Amino acid sequence: MSQAKVDRYKEEKKNRKKIMAKEKRQWFLTQLVLGLLGIAIVGWIGVSAYQAITAPSKDAPAEVKNYTLDTSALDDYLASLTEE
């Protein structure tokens, strides 16, 4: 081995703990980012599917509800107030 290779090997051996720690951090961060990205994609697909399933049909007519209200008691009360 040439002296340059020997020096490079010794330097790498001396800094091996730092290098391994850096590689572990990079691996963890990569896995974390990919995991979060996967969760976001699955969530987006789930929300989109839920909205597509629960969306009202465009062909179905809109449902109209009519309510009737008996106001005779209120009318009688207001009439009694104005009689005085």
PDB file of N, CA and C in Angstrom:
ATOM      1  N   MET A   1       0.844  -1.173   0.000  1.00  0.00           N
ATOM      2  CA  MET A   1       0.000   0.000   0.000  1.00  0.00           C
ATOM      3  C   MET A   1       0.889   1.236   0.000  1.00  0.00           C
ATOM      4  N   SER A   2       0.421   2.224  -0.685  1.00  0.00           N
ATOM      5  CA  SER A   2       1.187   3.467  -0.676  1.00  0.00           C
ATOM      6  C   SER A   2       0.937   4.202   0.633  1.00  0.00           C
ATOM      7  N   GLN A   3       1.780   5.133   0.917  1.00  0.00           N
ATOM      8  CA  GLN A   3       1.665   5.870   2.181  1.00  0.00           C
ATOM      9  C   GLN A   3       0.367   6.673   2.227  1.00  0.00           C
ATOM     10  N   ALA A   4      -0.086   7.187   1.080  1.00  0.00           N
ATOM     11  CA  ALA A   4      -1.329   7.964   1.038  1.00  0.00           C
ATOM     12  C   ALA A   4      -2.513   7.074   1.432  1.00  0.00           C
ATOM     13  N   LYS A   5      -2.518   5.832   0.928  1.00  0.00           N
ATOM     14  CA  LYS A   5      -3.609   4.912   1.271  1.00  0.00           C
ATOM     15  C   LYS A   5      -3.578   4.575   2.757  1.00  0.00           C
ATOM     16  N   VAL A   6      -2.391   4.379   3.281  1.00  0.00           N
ATOM     17  CA  VAL A   6      -2.242   4.055   4.702  1.00  0.00           C
ATOM     18  C   VAL A   6      -2.732   5.212   5.559  1.00  0.00           C
ATOM     19  N   ASP A   7      -2.359   6.413   5.188  1.00  0.00           N
ATOM     20  CA  ASP A   7      -2.801   7.598   5.940  1.00  0.00           C
ATOM     21  C   ASP A   7      -4.315   7.754   5.860  1.00  0.00           C
ATOM     22  N   ARG A   8      -4.870   7.540   4.681  1.00  0.00           N
ATOM     23  CA  ARG A   8      -6.318   7.647   4.501  1.00  0.00           C
ATOM     24  C   ARG A   8      -7.041   6.604   5.350  1.00  0.00           C
ATOM     25  N   TYR A   9      -6.510   5.384   5.383  1.00  0.00           N
ATOM     26  CA  TYR A   9      -7.105   4.310   6.178  1.00  0.00           C
ATOM     27  C   TYR A   9      -7.046   4.644   7.668  1.00  0.00           C
ATOM     28  N   LYS A  10      -5.921   5.154   8.132  1.00  0.00           N
ATOM     29  CA  LYS A  10      -5.779   5.512   9.541  1.00  0.00           C
ATOM     30  C   LYS A  10      -6.754   6.628   9.916  1.00  0.00           C
ATOM     31  N   GLU A  11      -6.906   7.610   9.021  1.00  0.00           N
ATOM     32  CA  GLU A  11      -7.837   8.720   9.278  1.00  0.00           C
ATOM     33  C   GLU A  11      -9.274   8.207   9.337  1.00  0.00           C
ATOM     34  N   GLU A  12      -9.600   7.301   8.425  1.00  0.00           N
ATOM     35  CA  GLU A  12     -10.958   6.728   8.418  1.00  0.00           C
ATOM     36  C   GLU A  12     -11.192   5.907   9.675  1.00  0.00           C
ATOM     37  N   LYS A  13     -10.211   5.152  10.072  1.00  0.00           N
ATOM     38  CA  LYS A  13     -10.346   4.332  11.276  1.00  0.00           C
ATOM     39  C   LYS A  13     -10.503   5.212  12.516  1.00  0.00           C
ATOM     40  N   LYS A  14      -9.795   6.336  12.539  1.00  0.00           N
ATOM     41  CA  LYS A  14      -9.868   7.239  13.676  1.00  0.00           C
ATOM     42  C   LYS A  14     -11.262   7.892  13.770  1.00  0.00           C
ATOM     43  N   ASN A  15     -11.878   8.191  12.624  1.00  0.00           N
ATOM     44  CA  ASN A  15     -13.174   8.870  12.591  1.00  0.00           C
ATOM     45  C   ASN A  15     -14.345   7.914  12.329  1.00  0.00           C
ATOM     46  N   ARG A  16     -14.115   6.633  12.513  1.00  0.00           N
ATOM     47  CA  ARG A  16     -15.141   5.652  12.172  1.00  0.00           C
ATOM     48  C   ARG A  16     -16.431   5.858  12.975  1.00  0.00           C
ATOM     49  N   LYS A  17     -16.338   6.192  14.259  1.00  0.00           N
ATOM     50  CA  LYS A  17     -17.534   6.403  15.084  1.00  0.00           C
ATOM     51  C   LYS A  17     -18.364   7.559  14.548  1.00  0.00           C
ATOM     52  N   LYS A  18     -17.709   8.655  14.202  1.00  0.00           N
ATOM     53  CA  LYS A  18     -18.414   9.820  13.666  1.00  0.00           C
ATOM     54  C   LYS A  18     -19.074   9.487  12.335  1.00  0.00           C
ATOM     55  N   ILE A  19     -18.335   8.772  11.505  1.00  0.00           N
ATOM     56  CA  ILE A  19     -18.865   8.412  10.188  1.00  0.00           C
ATOM     57  C   ILE A  19     -20.088   7.505  10.328  1.00  0.00           C
ATOM     58  N   MET A  20     -19.997   6.507  11.197  1.00  0.00           N
ATOM     59  CA  MET A  20     -21.118   5.583  11.410  1.00  0.00           C
ATOM     60  C   MET A  20     -22.330   6.313  11.993  1.00  0.00           C
ATOM     61  N   ALA A  21     -22.101   7.236  12.935  1.00  0.00           N
ATOM     62  CA  ALA A  21     -23.201   7.988  13.530  1.00  0.00           C
ATOM     63  C   ALA A  21     -23.882   8.858  12.470  1.00  0.00           C
ATOM     64  N   LYS A  22     -23.091   9.456  11.605  1.00  0.00           N
ATOM     65  CA  LYS A  22     -23.646  10.294  10.546  1.00  0.00           C
ATOM     66  C   LYS A  22     -24.472   9.449   9.573  1.00  0.00           C
ATOM     67  N   GLU A  23     -23.959   8.282   9.210  1.00  0.00           N
ATOM     68  CA  GLU A  23     -24.696   7.396   8.308  1.00  0.00           C
ATOM     69  C   GLU A  23     -25.998   6.918   8.946  1.00  0.00           C
ATOM     70  N   LYS A  24     -25.983   6.617  10.238  1.00  0.00           N
ATOM     71  CA  LYS A  24     -27.206   6.203  10.933  1.00  0.00           C
ATOM     72  C   LYS A  24     -28.231   7.331  10.956  1.00  0.00           C
ATOM     73  N   ARG A  25     -27.779   8.561  11.211  1.00  0.00           N
ATOM     74  CA  ARG A  25     -28.692   9.713  11.210  1.00  0.00           C
ATOM     75  C   ARG A  25     -29.312   9.907   9.837  1.00  0.00           C
ATOM     76  N   GLN A  26     -28.490   9.813   8.810  1.00  0.00           N
ATOM     77  CA  GLN A  26     -28.998   9.971   7.450  1.00  0.00           C
ATOM     78  C   GLN A  26     -30.011   8.878   7.119  1.00  0.00           C
ATOM     79  N   TRP A  27     -29.732   7.642   7.507  1.00  0.00           N
ATOM     80  CA  TRP A  27     -30.636   6.525   7.266  1.00  0.00           C
ATOM     81  C   TRP A  27     -31.962   6.743   7.999  1.00  0.00           C
ATOM     82  N   PHE A  28     -31.889   7.174   9.261  1.00  0.00           N
ATOM     83  CA  PHE A  28     -33.100   7.425  10.048  1.00  0.00           C
ATOM     84  C   PHE A  28     -33.936   8.537   9.422  1.00  0.00           C
ATOM     85  N   LEU A  29     -33.287   9.645   9.055  1.00  0.00           N
ATOM     86  CA  LEU A  29     -34.020  10.751   8.454  1.00  0.00           C
ATOM     87  C   LEU A  29     -34.641  10.358   7.115  1.00  0.00           C
ATOM     88  N   THR A  30     -33.929   9.563   6.332  1.00  0.00           N
ATOM     89  CA  THR A  30     -34.479   9.089   5.064  1.00  0.00           C
ATOM     90  C   THR A  30     -35.722   8.245   5.302  1.00  0.00           C
ATOM     91  N   GLN A  31     -35.637   7.329   6.254  1.00  0.00           N
ATOM     92  CA  GLN A  31     -36.778   6.480   6.566  1.00  0.00           C
ATOM     93  C   GLN A  31     -37.947   7.299   7.112  1.00  0.00           C
ATOM     94  N   LEU A  32     -37.656   8.288   7.936  1.00  0.00           N
ATOM     95  CA  LEU A  32     -38.695   9.143   8.504  1.00  0.00           C
ATOM     96  C   LEU A  32     -39.420   9.922   7.414  1.00  0.00           C
ATOM     97  N   VAL A  33     -38.662  10.532   6.518  1.00  0.00           N
ATOM     98  CA  VAL A  33     -39.259  11.313   5.433  1.00  0.00           C
ATOM     99  C   VAL A  33     -40.075  10.416   4.517  1.00  0.00           C
ATOM    100  N   LEU A  34     -39.550   9.259   4.171  1.00  0.00           N
ATOM    101  CA  LEU A  34     -40.297   8.340   3.309  1.00  0.00           C
ATOM    102  C   LEU A  34     -41.559   7.834   4.002  1.00  0.00           C
ATOM    103  N   GLY A  35     -41.471   7.572   5.301  1.00  0.00           N
ATOM    104  CA  GLY A  35     -42.648   7.132   6.048  1.00  0.00           C
ATOM    105  C   GLY A  35     -43.723   8.198   6.091  1.00  0.00           C
ATOM    106  N   LEU A  36     -43.323   9.436   6.377  1.00  0.00           N
ATOM    107  CA  LEU A  36     -44.296  10.531   6.400  1.00  0.00           C
ATOM    108  C   LEU A  36     -44.901  10.767   5.023  1.00  0.00           C
ATOM    109  N   LEU A  37     -44.092  10.656   3.997  1.00  0.00           N
ATOM    110  CA  LEU A  37     -44.595  10.808   2.635  1.00  0.00           C
ATOM    111  C   LEU A  37     -45.603   9.703   2.312  1.00  0.00           C
ATOM    112  N   GLY A  38     -45.297   8.483   2.712  1.00  0.00           N
ATOM    113  CA  GLY A  38     -46.225   7.372   2.486  1.00  0.00           C
ATOM    114  C   GLY A  38     -47.537   7.569   3.224  1.00  0.00           C
ATOM    115  N   ILE A  39     -47.466   8.012   4.472  1.00  0.00           N
ATOM    116  CA  ILE A  39     -48.679   8.267   5.244  1.00  0.00           C
ATOM    117  C   ILE A  39     -49.505   9.374   4.590  1.00  0.00           C
ATOM    118  N   ALA A  40     -48.846  10.418   4.116  1.00  0.00           N
ATOM    119  CA  ALA A  40     -49.557  11.518   3.456  1.00  0.00           C
ATOM    120  C   ALA A  40     -50.256  11.042   2.190  1.00  0.00           C
ATOM    121  N   ILE A  41     -49.589  10.205   1.411  1.00  0.00           N
ATOM    122  CA  ILE A  41     -50.187   9.705   0.168  1.00  0.00           C
ATOM    123  C   ILE A  41     -51.382   8.810   0.474  1.00  0.00           C
ATOM    124  N   VAL A  42     -51.238   7.913   1.431  1.00  0.00           N
ATOM    125  CA  VAL A  42     -52.351   7.026   1.796  1.00  0.00           C
ATOM    126  C   VAL A  42     -53.519   7.839   2.352  1.00  0.00           C
ATOM    127  N   GLY A  43     -53.232   8.841   3.160  1.00  0.00           N
ATOM    128  CA  GLY A  43     -54.288   9.696   3.694  1.00  0.00           C
ATOM    129  C   GLY A  43     -54.997  10.463   2.603  1.00  0.00           C
ATOM    130  N   TRP A  44     -54.244  10.979   1.655  1.00  0.00           N
ATOM    131  CA  TRP A  44     -54.830  11.730   0.550  1.00  0.00           C
ATOM    132  C   TRP A  44     -55.740  10.828  -0.286  1.00  0.00           C
ATOM    133  N   ILE A  45     -55.287   9.619  -0.559  1.00  0.00           N
ATOM    134  CA  ILE A  45     -56.105   8.675  -1.327  1.00  0.00           C
ATOM    135  C   ILE A  45     -57.365   8.337  -0.542  1.00  0.00           C
ATOM    136  N   GLY A  46     -57.240   8.146   0.757  1.00  0.00           N
ATOM    137  CA  GLY A  46     -58.404   7.821   1.583  1.00  0.00           C
ATOM    138  C   GLY A  46     -59.424   8.942   1.610  1.00  0.00           C
ATOM    139  N   VAL A  47     -58.968  10.168   1.781  1.00  0.00           N
ATOM    140  CA  VAL A  47     -59.894  11.306   1.801  1.00  0.00           C
ATOM    141  C   VAL A  47     -60.560  11.479   0.444  1.00  0.00           C
ATOM    142  N   SER A  48     -59.796  11.331  -0.616  1.00  0.00           N
ATOM    143  CA  SER A  48     -60.361  11.459  -1.963  1.00  0.00           C
ATOM    144  C   SER A  48     -61.416  10.388  -2.211  1.00  0.00           C
ATOM    145  N   ALA A  49     -61.139   9.165  -1.799  1.00  0.00           N
ATOM    146  CA  ALA A  49     -62.103   8.080  -1.982  1.00  0.00           C
ATOM    147  C   ALA A  49     -63.348   8.334  -1.149  1.00  0.00           C
ATOM    148  N   TYR A  50     -63.186   8.798   0.086  1.00  0.00           N
ATOM    149  CA  TYR A  50     -64.343   9.091   0.944  1.00  0.00           C
ATOM    150  C   TYR A  50     -65.205  10.191   0.336  1.00  0.00           C
ATOM    151  N   GLN A  51     -64.578  11.238  -0.179  1.00  0.00           N
ATOM    152  CA  GLN A  51     -65.342  12.317  -0.797  1.00  0.00           C
ATOM    153  C   GLN A  51     -66.054  11.851  -2.059  1.00  0.00           C
ATOM    154  N   ALA A  52     -65.431  10.969  -2.821  1.00  0.00           N
ATOM    155  CA  ALA A  52     -66.059  10.459  -4.037  1.00  0.00           C
ATOM    156  C   ALA A  52     -67.245   9.569  -3.701  1.00  0.00           C
ATOM    157  N   ILE A  53     -67.133   8.797  -2.630  1.00  0.00           N
ATOM    158  CA  ILE A  53     -68.214   7.886  -2.260  1.00  0.00           C
ATOM    159  C   ILE A  53     -69.395   8.651  -1.665  1.00  0.00           C
ATOM    160  N   THR A  54     -69.127   9.658  -0.842  1.00  0.00           N
ATOM    161  CA  THR A  54     -70.206  10.359  -0.150  1.00  0.00           C
ATOM    162  C   THR A  54     -70.750  11.554  -0.924  1.00  0.00           C
ATOM    163  N   ALA A  55     -70.183  11.880  -2.064  1.00  0.00           N
ATOM    164  CA  ALA A  55     -70.665  13.022  -2.847  1.00  0.00           C
ATOM    165  C   ALA A  55     -72.053  12.701  -3.399  1.00  0.00           C
ATOM    166  N   PRO A  56     -72.960  13.689  -3.382  1.00  0.00           N
ATOM    167  CA  PRO A  56     -74.291  13.431  -3.934  1.00  0.00           C
ATOM    168  C   PRO A  56     -74.208  13.236  -5.448  1.00  0.00           C
ATOM    169  N   SER A  57     -75.111  12.431  -5.942  1.00  0.00           N
ATOM    170  CA  SER A  57     -75.129  12.135  -7.372  1.00  0.00           C
ATOM    171  C   SER A  57     -75.580  13.369  -8.141  1.00  0.00           C
ATOM    172  N   LYS A  58     -74.983  13.628  -9.268  1.00  0.00           N
ATOM    173  CA  LYS A  58     -75.362  14.783 -10.082  1.00  0.00           C
ATOM    174  C   LYS A  58     -76.675  14.535 -10.814  1.00  0.00           C
ATOM    175  N   ASP A  59     -77.026  13.284 -11.030  1.00  0.00           N
ATOM    176  CA  ASP A  59     -78.258  12.955 -11.730  1.00  0.00           C
ATOM    177  C   ASP A  59     -79.470  13.019 -10.809  1.00  0.00           C
ATOM    178  N   ALA A  60     -79.267  12.839  -9.530  1.00  0.00           N
ATOM    179  CA  ALA A  60     -80.384  12.827  -8.588  1.00  0.00           C
ATOM    180  C   ALA A  60     -80.866  14.254  -8.346  1.00  0.00           C
ATOM    181  N   PRO A  61     -82.210  14.453  -8.339  1.00  0.00           N
ATOM    182  CA  PRO A  61     -82.721  15.794  -8.071  1.00  0.00           C
ATOM    183  C   PRO A  61     -82.487  16.171  -6.609  1.00  0.00           C
ATOM    184  N   ALA A  62     -82.380  17.442  -6.381  1.00  0.00           N
ATOM    185  CA  ALA A  62     -82.179  17.926  -5.019  1.00  0.00           C
ATOM    186  C   ALA A  62     -83.461  17.728  -4.231  1.00  0.00           C
ATOM    187  N   GLU A  63     -83.333  17.292  -3.003  1.00  0.00           N
ATOM    188  CA  GLU A  63     -84.496  17.029  -2.166  1.00  0.00           C
ATOM    189  C   GLU A  63     -84.948  18.340  -1.534  1.00  0.00           C
ATOM    190  N   VAL A  64     -86.236  18.666  -1.738  1.00  0.00           N
ATOM    191  CA  VAL A  64     -86.801  19.892  -1.190  1.00  0.00           C
ATOM    192  C   VAL A  64     -87.742  19.509  -0.069  1.00  0.00           C
ATOM    193  N   LYS A  65     -87.581  20.153   1.085  1.00  0.00           N
ATOM    194  CA  LYS A  65     -88.444  19.870   2.228  1.00  0.00           C
ATOM    195  C   LYS A  65     -89.265  21.112   2.530  1.00  0.00           C
ATOM    196  N   ASN A  66     -90.562  20.914   2.698  1.00  0.00           N
ATOM    197  CA  ASN A  66     -91.462  21.997   3.062  1.00  0.00           C
ATOM    198  C   ASN A  66     -91.955  21.749   4.474  1.00  0.00           C
ATOM    199  N   TYR A  67     -92.001  22.806   5.268  1.00  0.00           N
ATOM    200  CA  TYR A  67     -92.464  22.706   6.637  1.00  0.00           C
ATOM    201  C   TYR A  67     -93.656  23.650   6.816  1.00  0.00           C
ATOM    202  N   THR A  68     -94.624  23.222   7.585  1.00  0.00           N
ATOM    203  CA  THR A  68     -95.748  24.091   7.936  1.00  0.00           C
ATOM    204  C   THR A  68     -95.670  24.370   9.424  1.00  0.00           C
ATOM    205  N   LEU A  69     -96.064  25.574   9.788  1.00  0.00           N
ATOM    206  CA  LEU A  69     -95.956  26.001  11.167  1.00  0.00           C
ATOM    207  C   LEU A  69     -97.293  26.621  11.569  1.00  0.00           C
ATOM    208  N   ASP A  70     -97.851  26.147  12.666  1.00  0.00           N
ATOM    209  CA  ASP A  70     -99.109  26.673  13.173  1.00  0.00           C
ATOM    210  C   ASP A  70     -98.803  27.858  14.077  1.00  0.00           C
ATOM    211  N   THR A  71     -99.163  29.044  13.634  1.00  0.00           N
ATOM    212  CA  THR A  71     -98.890  30.261  14.400  1.00  0.00           C
ATOM    213  C   THR A  71    -100.145  30.847  15.015  1.00  0.00           C
ATOM    214  N   SER A  72    -101.185  30.048  15.131  1.00  0.00           N
ATOM    215  CA  SER A  72    -102.451  30.591  15.659  1.00  0.00           C
ATOM    216  C   SER A  72    -102.289  31.056  17.106  1.00  0.00           C
ATOM    217  N   ALA A  73    -101.536  30.363  17.929  1.00  0.00           N
ATOM    218  CA  ALA A  73    -101.336  30.777  19.315  1.00  0.00           C
ATOM    219  C   ALA A  73    -100.589  32.103  19.369  1.00  0.00           C
ATOM    220  N   LEU A  74     -99.604  32.291  18.524  1.00  0.00           N
ATOM    221  CA  LEU A  74     -98.859  33.537  18.478  1.00  0.00           C
ATOM    222  C   LEU A  74     -99.742  34.674  17.978  1.00  0.00           C
ATOM    223  N   ASP A  75    -100.565  34.390  16.968  1.00  0.00           N
ATOM    224  CA  ASP A  75    -101.493  35.398  16.452  1.00  0.00           C
ATOM    225  C   ASP A  75    -102.484  35.830  17.523  1.00  0.00           C
ATOM    226  N   ASP A  76    -103.015  34.880  18.282  1.00  0.00           N
ATOM    227  CA  ASP A  76    -103.960  35.203  19.361  1.00  0.00           C
ATOM    228  C   ASP A  76    -103.282  36.056  20.423  1.00  0.00           C
ATOM    229  N   TYR A  77    -102.055  35.740  20.770  1.00  0.00           N
ATOM    230  CA  TYR A  77    -101.338  36.507  21.788  1.00  0.00           C
ATOM    231  C   TYR A  77    -101.096  37.940  21.321  1.00  0.00           C
ATOM    232  N   LEU A  78    -100.647  38.086  20.060  1.00  0.00           N
ATOM    233  CA  LEU A  78    -100.401  39.432  19.546  1.00  0.00           C
ATOM    234  C   LEU A  78    -101.693  40.227  19.417  1.00  0.00           C
ATOM    235  N   ALA A  79    -102.789  39.545  19.080  1.00  0.00           N
ATOM    236  CA  ALA A  79    -104.076  40.229  18.978  1.00  0.00           C
ATOM    237  C   ALA A  79    -104.514  40.701  20.352  1.00  0.00           C
ATOM    238  N   SER A  80    -104.269  39.925  21.402  1.00  0.00           N
ATOM    239  CA  SER A  80    -104.663  40.331  22.751  1.00  0.00           C
ATOM    240  C   SER A  80    -103.842  41.517  23.216  1.00  0.00           C
ATOM    241  N   LEU A  81    -102.641  41.662  22.751  1.00  0.00           N
ATOM    242  CA  LEU A  81    -101.808  42.802  23.130  1.00  0.00           C
ATOM    243  C   LEU A  81    -102.289  44.092  22.480  1.00  0.00           C
ATOM    244  N   THR A  82    -102.771  43.982  21.271  1.00  0.00           N
ATOM    245  CA  THR A  82    -103.205  45.197  20.570  1.00  0.00           C
ATOM    246  C   THR A  82    -104.611  45.600  20.959  1.00  0.00           C
ATOM    247  N   GLU A  83    -105.419  44.734  21.610  1.00  0.00           N
ATOM    248  CA  GLU A  83    -106.786  45.070  22.003  1.00  0.00           C
ATOM    249  C   GLU A  83    -106.809  46.061  23.146  1.00  0.00           C
ATOM    250  N   GLU A  84    -105.847  46.107  23.949  1.00  0.00           N
ATOM    251  CA  GLU A  84    -105.854  46.966  25.120  1.00  0.00           C
ATOM    252  C   GLU A  84    -105.767  48.403  24.802  1.00  0.00           C
TER     253      GLU A  84
END
